[in-house]
């Protein structure tokens, strides 16, 4: 396994960061310019030359590192559009990640005509996917379970796949997808290019790489953000009761618009979320026991700013692209240093400042020492905010979510909902947030101060000529 290391010459490295130095199709380069992509991220600069050369590549990088564009450009550059067969398969652990990946590949492919990218994931009706498969595709992005569903019913053929991408491979192993991966890989040619991307690199990943890859190039990017943009604070906690109080104090002092609280287990996640809700906080929980529909609603409420706090396990939160996160709280110390860095890397993105707060106990002494080595500084416990904050009330989110009893099946579009809300005697367009439409339901975030008027407009007005029920989600 060969290793790629960054160029130490800063001037030559800067020159080598331009996409124009790569042997990409002209239409891909032109599209990158229109997208404003001039320079490559570190993981792109280190992996793309090998990917475009047809080599197997292992890329280790966090969410937001630019890995999707790296493998997306590689498979698009190789694609033969005139051959209407499935040539590339991208496997993702969750539907959310698969949707993100497919969307980005379609955006990267805008300069190439007639490319079809198809998403095959569980948690959605099978019928439309069957219809789409009958019309063919060039690139499939999907989750292992649904891919196997189609393979076992002979609706999907992988016989001409020349590029396989395993995205968030460590997460797929954590979710128990190894037998599924074995099944899928047995259905495709052995002679193919395999690209494996992972946030961490446990021994099981290395074992799989040895079995399914040929002399892979190893690319590792340790950080995707400027660590100086994240302020880290540490608090030594003696008991679980003190941990709960410390969490409340930090949330009451900083009053974040969006904060993620990380726990190590599903049970702890549920307990912490329930306690915060009982204390009046606007909170949602994200863990592995959630059904897909409940998971989608949880993520939507957090993303559209109608819930301020999300309590989550690491496994549930992997692969999620959460924007503008004010703070991360490690309710429990992460199992290892890499996971800790991955957690806090969700705040302080895109040049903004972020804050990370970590609780630890005497039992975490060994993990603290490892983190001190990584950070190259001593970790000192700080004092918690004053306890009189416990007498104050939590701030409510700026937005609330309205659920409408109609969706795509009723031909509703975001413009219909926006028009209904902002029509005569309606609310201002600036008071309307994100709109999400599913098969049978629609969801719209509105400013809390305008929620009653917005609800009245929907329930007493008409959408597409008919009346729909609507209510405020709690």
Protein backbone atom coordinates (compact mmCIF):
# COMPACT_ATOMS: atom_id res chain seq x y z
CA UNK A 1 0.00 0.00 0.00
CA UNK A 2 1.62 3.25 -1.12
CA UNK A 3 1.25 6.44 0.90
CA UNK A 4 0.68 9.95 -0.45
CA UNK A 5 2.17 12.77 1.61
CA UNK A 6 1.68 16.51 1.10
CA UNK A 7 4.31 18.44 -0.84
CA UNK A 8 6.54 20.39 1.55
CA UNK A 9 7.34 23.13 -1.01
CA UNK A 10 4.51 25.64 -0.41
CA UNK A 11 4.85 27.43 -3.79
CA UNK A 12 4.86 24.24 -5.87
CA UNK A 13 2.06 22.84 -3.71
CA UNK A 14 -0.07 25.92 -4.41
CA UNK A 15 0.51 25.52 -8.18
CA UNK A 16 -0.44 21.84 -7.97
CA UNK A 17 -3.75 22.62 -6.24
CA UNK A 18 -5.45 23.87 -9.42
CA UNK A 19 -7.96 21.53 -11.11
CA UNK A 20 -6.51 22.62 -14.46
CA UNK A 21 -3.35 20.57 -13.72
CA UNK A 22 -5.42 17.37 -13.93
CA UNK A 23 -6.24 15.37 -17.10
CA UNK A 24 -9.97 16.01 -16.72
CA UNK A 25 -12.46 16.23 -19.59
CA UNK A 26 -12.83 19.85 -20.79
CA UNK A 27 -16.55 19.88 -19.94
CA UNK A 28 -15.75 18.90 -16.34
CA UNK A 29 -13.11 21.63 -16.03
CA UNK A 30 -15.47 24.22 -17.54
CA UNK A 31 -18.23 23.24 -15.11
CA UNK A 32 -15.84 23.44 -12.14
CA UNK A 33 -15.07 27.03 -13.13
CA UNK A 34 -18.76 27.94 -13.26
CA UNK A 35 -19.14 26.38 -9.80
CA UNK A 36 -16.31 28.55 -8.48
CA UNK A 37 -14.06 25.55 -7.80
CA UNK A 38 -10.59 26.86 -8.63
CA UNK A 39 -8.39 25.01 -6.16
CA UNK A 40 -8.54 21.47 -4.86
CA UNK A 41 -8.92 20.57 -1.21
CA UNK A 42 -6.02 18.54 0.27
CA UNK A 43 -7.81 15.20 -0.13
CA UNK A 44 -8.65 16.04 -3.76
CA UNK A 45 -5.09 17.11 -4.57
CA UNK A 46 -3.66 13.93 -3.04
CA UNK A 47 -6.18 11.41 -4.37
CA UNK A 48 -7.35 12.64 -7.79
CA UNK A 49 -4.11 11.96 -9.72
CA UNK A 50 -4.21 8.31 -8.62
CA UNK A 51 -7.98 8.03 -9.18
CA UNK A 52 -7.72 9.45 -12.71
CA UNK A 53 -4.83 7.06 -13.36
CA UNK A 54 -7.19 4.14 -12.65
CA UNK A 55 -5.56 3.10 -9.37
CA UNK A 56 -7.38 1.84 -6.29
CA UNK A 57 -7.42 4.52 -3.57
CA UNK A 58 -8.13 4.59 0.16
CA UNK A 59 -9.00 8.10 1.30
CA UNK A 60 -9.22 8.95 4.98
CA UNK A 61 -10.95 12.27 5.60
CA UNK A 62 -13.77 13.81 7.60
CA UNK A 63 -17.16 15.08 6.43
CA UNK A 64 -16.64 18.30 4.47
CA UNK A 65 -13.16 17.36 3.20
CA UNK A 66 -14.22 17.32 -0.45
CA UNK A 67 -14.01 13.54 -0.87
CA UNK A 68 -17.32 13.36 -2.78
CA UNK A 69 -15.98 15.64 -5.52
CA UNK A 70 -12.77 13.58 -5.57
CA UNK A 71 -14.42 10.27 -6.40
CA UNK A 72 -17.26 11.99 -8.32
CA UNK A 73 -14.86 13.61 -10.77
CA UNK A 74 -12.99 10.32 -11.10
CA UNK A 75 -16.00 8.24 -12.10
CA UNK A 76 -17.42 11.01 -14.35
CA UNK A 77 -14.11 11.36 -16.18
CA UNK A 78 -14.06 7.63 -16.90
CA UNK A 79 -17.74 7.40 -17.87
CA UNK A 80 -18.76 6.50 -21.42
CA UNK A 81 -22.08 8.35 -21.79
CA UNK A 82 -22.89 6.66 -25.11
CA UNK A 83 -22.85 3.27 -23.37
CA UNK A 84 -26.14 3.26 -21.46
CA UNK A 85 -25.14 0.72 -18.84
CA UNK A 86 -24.42 0.97 -15.10
CA UNK A 87 -20.70 1.76 -15.01
CA UNK A 88 -20.27 3.09 -11.46
CA UNK A 89 -21.72 2.08 -8.09
CA UNK A 90 -21.42 4.29 -4.99
CA UNK A 91 -22.43 2.61 -1.71
CA UNK A 92 -23.35 4.78 1.31
CA UNK A 93 -24.46 3.78 4.83
CA UNK A 94 -27.52 6.06 5.01
CA UNK A 95 -30.17 7.51 2.73
CA UNK A 96 -29.22 11.07 3.74
CA UNK A 97 -25.61 10.57 2.64
CA UNK A 98 -26.68 8.83 -0.58
CA UNK A 99 -28.97 11.76 -1.43
CA UNK A 100 -26.13 14.25 -0.78
CA UNK A 101 -23.66 12.24 -2.89
CA UNK A 102 -26.08 11.83 -5.81
CA UNK A 103 -26.89 15.53 -5.75
CA UNK A 104 -23.22 16.51 -5.85
CA UNK A 105 -22.42 14.07 -8.67
CA UNK A 106 -25.31 15.50 -10.72
CA UNK A 107 -23.97 19.01 -10.10
CA UNK A 108 -20.45 17.99 -11.15
CA UNK A 109 -21.91 16.36 -14.29
CA UNK A 110 -23.86 19.41 -15.49
CA UNK A 111 -21.47 19.99 -18.39
CA UNK A 112 -21.95 16.46 -19.77
CA UNK A 113 -25.27 15.80 -21.50
CA UNK A 114 -27.55 12.80 -20.95
CA UNK A 115 -25.90 11.40 -17.82
CA UNK A 116 -28.35 9.54 -15.59
CA UNK A 117 -27.58 9.21 -11.87
CA UNK A 118 -30.07 7.02 -9.99
CA UNK A 119 -30.48 6.83 -6.20
CA UNK A 120 -31.54 3.47 -4.71
CA UNK A 121 -32.20 3.65 -0.97
CA UNK A 122 -34.46 2.04 1.60
CA UNK A 123 -37.14 3.94 3.48
CA UNK A 124 -38.86 5.04 0.25
CA UNK A 125 -41.36 3.24 -2.03
CA UNK A 126 -39.89 0.58 -4.32
CA UNK A 127 -42.21 1.30 -7.28
CA UNK A 128 -40.60 4.48 -8.65
CA UNK A 129 -37.15 2.88 -8.36
CA UNK A 130 -38.29 -0.14 -10.38
CA UNK A 131 -39.60 2.19 -13.10
CA UNK A 132 -36.35 4.16 -13.18
CA UNK A 133 -34.26 0.98 -13.40
CA UNK A 134 -36.27 -0.18 -16.39
CA UNK A 135 -35.13 2.98 -18.21
CA UNK A 136 -31.46 2.37 -17.31
CA UNK A 137 -28.73 4.48 -15.68
CA UNK A 138 -25.00 5.24 -15.81
CA UNK A 139 -24.32 5.72 -12.09
CA UNK A 140 -26.06 4.15 -9.11
CA UNK A 141 -25.80 5.71 -5.63
CA UNK A 142 -27.45 3.67 -2.90
CA UNK A 143 -27.55 1.87 0.41
CA UNK A 144 -26.51 -1.81 0.60
CA UNK A 145 -29.90 -3.21 1.68
CA UNK A 146 -31.89 -1.68 -1.17
CA UNK A 147 -29.20 -2.54 -3.73
CA UNK A 148 -29.49 -6.20 -2.65
CA UNK A 149 -33.30 -6.02 -2.88
CA UNK A 150 -33.02 -5.08 -6.55
CA UNK A 151 -30.19 -7.53 -7.28
CA UNK A 152 -32.04 -10.48 -5.75
CA UNK A 153 -35.09 -9.73 -7.90
CA UNK A 154 -32.88 -9.36 -11.01
CA UNK A 155 -33.97 -5.77 -11.57
CA UNK A 156 -30.38 -4.55 -11.36
CA UNK A 157 -27.25 -5.73 -13.18
CA UNK A 158 -23.74 -4.77 -12.06
CA UNK A 159 -21.95 -6.81 -14.74
CA UNK A 160 -20.47 -3.74 -16.44
CA UNK A 161 -19.47 -1.75 -13.35
CA UNK A 162 -15.88 -0.53 -13.68
CA UNK A 163 -15.78 1.71 -10.58
CA UNK A 164 -16.95 0.84 -7.06
CA UNK A 165 -16.96 3.51 -4.34
CA UNK A 166 -17.43 2.68 -0.66
CA UNK A 167 -18.24 5.97 1.08
CA UNK A 168 -18.13 6.17 4.90
CA UNK A 169 -16.86 2.57 4.88
CA UNK A 170 -16.23 2.50 8.63
CA UNK A 171 -19.82 3.50 9.29
CA UNK A 172 -21.08 0.71 7.04
CA UNK A 173 -19.08 -1.80 9.07
CA UNK A 174 -20.41 -0.33 12.34
CA UNK A 175 -23.94 -0.85 11.01
CA UNK A 176 -23.24 -4.50 10.17
CA UNK A 177 -23.22 -4.20 6.39
CA UNK A 178 -20.19 -6.45 5.78
CA UNK A 179 -22.24 -9.50 4.56
CA UNK A 180 -24.21 -7.14 2.27
CA UNK A 181 -20.99 -5.72 0.83
CA UNK A 182 -19.70 -9.25 0.15
CA UNK A 183 -22.96 -10.10 -1.66
CA UNK A 184 -22.85 -6.96 -3.80
CA UNK A 185 -19.20 -7.28 -4.75
CA UNK A 186 -19.77 -10.86 -5.87
CA UNK A 187 -22.22 -9.48 -8.45
CA UNK A 188 -19.69 -7.23 -10.20
CA UNK A 189 -16.46 -7.78 -12.16
CA UNK A 190 -13.33 -8.49 -10.15
CA UNK A 191 -11.35 -6.29 -12.51
CA UNK A 192 -12.55 -2.83 -11.53
CA UNK A 193 -11.33 0.29 -9.80
CA UNK A 194 -12.24 0.40 -6.10
CA UNK A 195 -12.25 3.64 -4.12
CA UNK A 196 -12.74 3.45 -0.36
CA UNK A 197 -13.36 6.55 1.76
CA UNK A 198 -13.56 6.51 5.53
CA UNK A 199 -13.38 8.97 8.42
CA UNK A 200 -11.45 6.46 10.54
CA UNK A 201 -9.30 3.46 9.59
CA UNK A 202 -9.93 0.54 11.99
CA UNK A 203 -8.28 -2.85 11.45
CA UNK A 204 -11.44 -4.26 9.86
CA UNK A 205 -11.22 -1.63 7.10
CA UNK A 206 -7.59 -2.58 6.47
CA UNK A 207 -8.58 -6.26 6.23
CA UNK A 208 -11.34 -5.49 3.70
CA UNK A 209 -8.99 -3.30 1.68
CA UNK A 210 -6.49 -6.17 1.43
CA UNK A 211 -9.24 -8.50 0.16
CA UNK A 212 -10.99 -6.28 -2.42
CA UNK A 213 -8.36 -3.76 -3.57
CA UNK A 214 -5.23 -4.01 -5.69
CA UNK A 215 -2.16 -2.14 -4.39
CA UNK A 216 -4.26 0.81 -3.16
CA UNK A 217 -2.81 4.29 -2.76
CA UNK A 218 -3.41 5.52 0.82
CA UNK A 219 -4.37 9.18 1.19
CA UNK A 220 -4.87 10.66 4.65
CA UNK A 221 -6.06 14.16 5.51
CA UNK A 222 -6.08 14.59 9.26
CA UNK A 223 -8.14 17.77 9.46
CA UNK A 224 -10.59 19.57 7.18
CA UNK A 225 -10.87 22.76 9.13
CA UNK A 226 -8.62 25.27 10.84
CA UNK A 227 -8.43 23.99 14.41
CA UNK A 228 -7.76 27.54 15.60
CA UNK A 229 -11.36 28.37 14.63
CA UNK A 230 -12.65 26.01 17.35
CA UNK A 231 -12.35 26.94 21.03
CA UNK A 232 -12.11 23.82 23.17
CA UNK A 233 -13.21 23.81 26.81
CA UNK A 234 -12.93 20.89 29.24
CA UNK A 235 -14.78 20.19 32.50
CA UNK A 236 -13.98 17.45 34.98
CA UNK A 237 -17.24 15.92 36.23
CA UNK A 238 -17.58 13.68 39.29
CA UNK A 239 -21.10 12.26 38.90
CA UNK A 240 -23.86 11.79 36.34
CA UNK A 241 -26.06 14.26 38.24
CA UNK A 242 -23.33 16.88 37.96
CA UNK A 243 -22.99 16.09 34.25
CA UNK A 244 -26.70 16.84 33.69
CA UNK A 245 -26.41 20.11 35.59
CA UNK A 246 -23.27 21.10 33.68
CA UNK A 247 -25.06 20.52 30.37
CA UNK A 248 -27.97 22.74 31.39
CA UNK A 249 -25.61 25.49 32.60
CA UNK A 250 -23.65 25.59 29.34
CA UNK A 251 -26.81 25.67 27.21
CA UNK A 252 -28.36 28.40 29.38
CA UNK A 253 -25.21 30.51 29.32
CA UNK A 254 -24.44 30.29 25.59
CA UNK A 255 -28.03 29.90 24.29
CA UNK A 256 -26.97 28.41 20.93
CA UNK A 257 -29.21 28.48 17.88
CA UNK A 258 -27.89 25.01 16.97
CA UNK A 259 -25.94 22.65 19.22
CA UNK A 260 -25.16 18.93 19.05
CA UNK A 261 -24.70 16.95 22.27
CA UNK A 262 -22.77 13.71 21.69
CA UNK A 263 -23.37 10.60 23.81
CA UNK A 264 -21.68 7.21 23.54
CA UNK A 265 -24.81 5.03 23.71
CA UNK A 266 -28.40 5.01 22.44
CA UNK A 267 -29.75 4.71 25.97
CA UNK A 268 -27.79 7.74 27.18
CA UNK A 269 -28.94 9.70 24.12
CA UNK A 270 -32.61 9.01 24.89
CA UNK A 271 -32.19 9.81 28.62
CA UNK A 272 -30.34 13.10 28.02
CA UNK A 273 -32.86 14.27 25.42
CA UNK A 274 -35.79 13.42 27.72
CA UNK A 275 -34.20 15.29 30.64
CA UNK A 276 -33.54 18.40 28.52
CA UNK A 277 -37.10 18.34 27.16
CA UNK A 278 -38.42 18.09 30.73
CA UNK A 279 -36.32 21.16 31.60
CA UNK A 280 -37.95 23.17 28.80
CA UNK A 281 -35.30 22.92 26.09
CA UNK A 282 -36.21 22.50 22.43
CA UNK A 283 -34.49 19.19 21.75
CA UNK A 284 -34.53 16.23 19.36
CA UNK A 285 -32.73 12.88 19.65
CA UNK A 286 -30.91 11.01 16.87
CA UNK A 287 -30.00 7.37 17.43
CA UNK A 288 -30.06 3.99 15.74
CA UNK A 289 -33.49 2.92 17.04
CA UNK A 290 -35.35 5.56 15.01
CA UNK A 291 -37.45 4.52 12.02
CA UNK A 292 -36.41 6.21 8.77
CA UNK A 293 -39.44 8.56 8.75
CA UNK A 294 -38.78 9.67 12.34
CA UNK A 295 -35.10 10.13 11.54
CA UNK A 296 -35.95 12.34 8.55
CA UNK A 297 -38.29 14.49 10.64
CA UNK A 298 -35.71 14.82 13.43
CA UNK A 299 -33.02 15.99 11.02
CA UNK A 300 -35.41 18.35 9.27
CA UNK A 301 -36.48 20.06 12.52
CA UNK A 302 -32.86 20.55 13.52
CA UNK A 303 -31.72 21.73 10.08
CA UNK A 304 -34.55 24.25 9.71
CA UNK A 305 -33.82 25.79 13.14
CA UNK A 306 -37.07 24.73 14.82
CA UNK A 307 -35.10 22.64 17.34
CA UNK A 308 -32.06 24.13 19.08
CA UNK A 309 -30.40 21.01 20.47
CA UNK A 310 -29.81 17.61 18.92
CA UNK A 311 -28.62 14.79 21.18
CA UNK A 312 -26.96 12.10 19.08
CA UNK A 313 -24.75 9.04 19.03
CA UNK A 314 -21.65 9.08 16.82
CA UNK A 315 -22.97 6.32 14.57
CA UNK A 316 -26.29 8.12 13.97
CA UNK A 317 -24.63 11.44 13.24
CA UNK A 318 -21.98 10.16 10.82
CA UNK A 319 -22.27 11.32 7.23
CA UNK A 320 -24.56 14.21 8.08
CA UNK A 321 -23.67 17.62 6.72
CA UNK A 322 -24.84 20.00 9.46
CA UNK A 323 -24.36 23.65 8.54
CA UNK A 324 -23.65 26.61 10.86
CA UNK A 325 -23.33 24.63 14.08
CA UNK A 326 -22.71 26.98 17.01
CA UNK A 327 -21.37 24.45 19.47
CA UNK A 328 -20.66 20.79 20.17
CA UNK A 329 -20.91 19.31 23.65
CA UNK A 330 -19.28 15.97 24.40
CA UNK A 331 -21.60 14.77 27.17
CA UNK A 332 -19.38 11.73 27.42
CA UNK A 333 -15.74 11.58 26.36
CA UNK A 334 -15.34 9.92 22.96
CA UNK A 335 -14.02 6.36 22.78
CA UNK A 336 -10.85 7.52 20.99
CA UNK A 337 -9.03 10.67 19.86
CA UNK A 338 -10.07 10.36 16.22
CA UNK A 339 -13.75 10.30 17.13
CA UNK A 340 -13.27 13.35 19.37
CA UNK A 341 -11.68 15.30 16.50
CA UNK A 342 -14.45 14.19 14.15
CA UNK A 343 -17.09 15.40 16.63
CA UNK A 344 -15.68 18.85 17.21
CA UNK A 345 -14.95 19.29 13.50
CA UNK A 346 -18.68 19.79 12.95
CA UNK A 347 -18.44 23.30 14.36
CA UNK A 348 -16.20 26.17 13.22
CA UNK A 349 -16.64 25.51 9.50
CA UNK A 350 -16.41 27.80 6.48
CA UNK A 351 -14.36 30.40 8.33
CA UNK A 352 -16.81 30.76 11.22
CA UNK A 353 -15.88 30.41 14.87
CA UNK A 354 -16.99 27.35 16.77
CA UNK A 355 -16.90 26.05 20.32
CA UNK A 356 -16.53 22.55 21.74
CA UNK A 357 -17.22 21.62 25.37
CA UNK A 358 -16.12 18.25 26.75
CA UNK A 359 -17.02 16.54 30.04
CA UNK A 360 -14.59 13.98 31.44
CA UNK A 361 -14.06 11.92 34.59
CA UNK A 362 -11.08 10.36 36.38
CA UNK A 363 -11.75 7.19 34.36
CA UNK A 364 -10.94 9.12 31.18
CA UNK A 365 -7.40 9.91 32.29
CA UNK A 366 -5.75 7.72 29.61
CA UNK A 367 -7.87 9.20 26.82
CA UNK A 368 -7.12 12.71 28.08
CA UNK A 369 -3.37 12.02 27.83
CA UNK A 370 -3.74 10.81 24.24
CA UNK A 371 -5.73 13.92 23.34
CA UNK A 372 -3.10 16.13 25.00
CA UNK A 373 -0.45 14.54 22.78
CA UNK A 374 -2.59 15.18 19.70
CA UNK A 375 -3.37 18.80 20.64
CA UNK A 376 0.20 19.38 21.89
CA UNK A 377 -1.09 21.15 24.98
CA UNK A 378 -2.18 20.39 28.53
CA UNK A 379 -5.88 19.96 29.20
CA UNK A 380 -7.01 21.87 32.28
CA UNK A 381 -10.49 21.64 33.77
CA UNK A 382 -12.42 24.93 33.75
CA UNK A 383 -15.06 26.20 36.14
CA UNK A 384 -18.70 25.83 35.15
CA UNK A 385 -21.02 28.84 34.66
CA UNK A 386 -22.74 30.25 37.79
CA UNK A 387 -25.57 28.11 39.16
CA UNK A 388 -28.04 31.00 39.31
CA UNK A 389 -28.47 30.43 35.55
CA UNK A 390 -30.57 27.40 36.50
CA UNK A 391 -33.31 29.84 37.55
CA UNK A 392 -33.60 31.16 33.98
CA UNK A 393 -35.66 29.72 31.14
CA UNK A 394 -34.22 28.26 27.93
CA UNK A 395 -34.53 30.35 24.76
CA UNK A 396 -37.04 28.98 22.29
CA UNK A 397 -35.93 28.45 18.65
CA UNK A 398 -36.54 31.27 16.19
CA UNK A 399 -38.48 28.96 13.86
CA UNK A 400 -41.33 26.46 14.19
CA UNK A 401 -42.26 23.71 11.71
CA UNK A 402 -45.76 23.44 10.26
CA UNK A 403 -46.84 20.07 8.91
CA UNK A 404 -49.28 20.08 5.99
CA UNK A 405 -51.40 17.03 5.19
CA UNK A 406 -50.45 16.96 1.50
CA UNK A 407 -47.34 16.29 -0.58
CA UNK A 408 -45.94 15.25 -3.95
CA UNK A 409 -48.84 12.86 -4.55
CA UNK A 410 -51.12 15.91 -4.37
CA UNK A 411 -48.90 17.82 -6.86
CA UNK A 412 -47.76 20.29 -4.18
CA UNK A 413 -44.55 22.22 -4.82
CA UNK A 414 -42.51 24.56 -2.58
CA UNK A 415 -43.69 27.54 -4.65
CA UNK A 416 -47.33 26.67 -3.92
CA UNK A 417 -46.72 26.74 -0.16
CA UNK A 418 -44.64 29.91 -0.29
CA UNK A 419 -47.30 31.63 -2.39
CA UNK A 420 -50.08 30.60 -0.02
CA UNK A 421 -48.19 31.91 3.01
CA UNK A 422 -47.15 35.25 1.49
CA UNK A 423 -50.34 36.04 -0.45
CA UNK A 424 -52.91 38.65 0.55
CA UNK A 425 -52.75 39.42 4.31
CA UNK A 426 -50.03 36.76 4.59
CA UNK A 427 -46.65 36.72 6.25
CA UNK A 428 -43.42 38.14 4.84
CA UNK A 429 -41.20 36.01 2.60
CA UNK A 430 -38.36 36.64 5.07
CA UNK A 431 -40.43 34.86 7.74
CA UNK A 432 -40.51 31.61 5.72
CA UNK A 433 -37.66 29.14 6.14
CA UNK A 434 -36.91 25.76 4.59
CA UNK A 435 -39.70 23.86 2.82
CA UNK A 436 -39.57 20.06 2.50
CA UNK A 437 -42.10 18.05 0.51
CA UNK A 438 -42.43 14.26 0.83
CA UNK A 439 -44.86 11.88 -0.89
CA UNK A 440 -47.83 12.57 1.39
CA UNK A 441 -46.71 15.38 3.75
CA UNK A 442 -45.15 18.82 3.47
CA UNK A 443 -43.18 20.72 6.08
CA UNK A 444 -42.40 24.43 6.23
CA UNK A 445 -40.37 26.36 8.79
CA UNK A 446 -41.78 29.78 9.70
CA UNK A 447 -40.70 32.49 12.12
CA UNK A 448 -42.11 31.72 15.57
CA UNK A 449 -43.70 35.19 15.80
CA UNK A 450 -45.58 34.57 12.54
CA UNK A 451 -46.56 30.94 13.24
CA UNK A 452 -50.22 31.57 14.15
CA UNK A 453 -50.82 33.74 11.08
CA UNK A 454 -49.03 31.21 8.87
CA UNK A 455 -51.12 28.33 10.23
CA UNK A 456 -54.31 30.34 9.69
CA UNK A 457 -53.32 31.07 6.08
CA UNK A 458 -52.78 27.37 5.33
CA UNK A 459 -55.84 25.94 7.11
CA UNK A 460 -58.27 28.65 5.97
CA UNK A 461 -56.85 29.23 2.49
CA UNK A 462 -56.30 26.93 -0.44
CA UNK A 463 -53.33 25.16 -2.00
CA UNK A 464 -53.76 24.14 -5.63
CA UNK A 465 -57.52 24.78 -5.31
CA UNK A 466 -58.16 22.66 -2.24
CA UNK A 467 -57.99 22.93 1.54
CA UNK A 468 -55.45 20.99 3.60
CA UNK A 469 -55.16 20.27 7.30
CA UNK A 470 -52.04 21.66 8.98
CA UNK A 471 -50.64 21.84 12.49
CA UNK A 472 -47.58 22.99 14.39
CA UNK A 473 -45.08 20.24 15.17
CA UNK A 474 -43.89 20.00 18.75
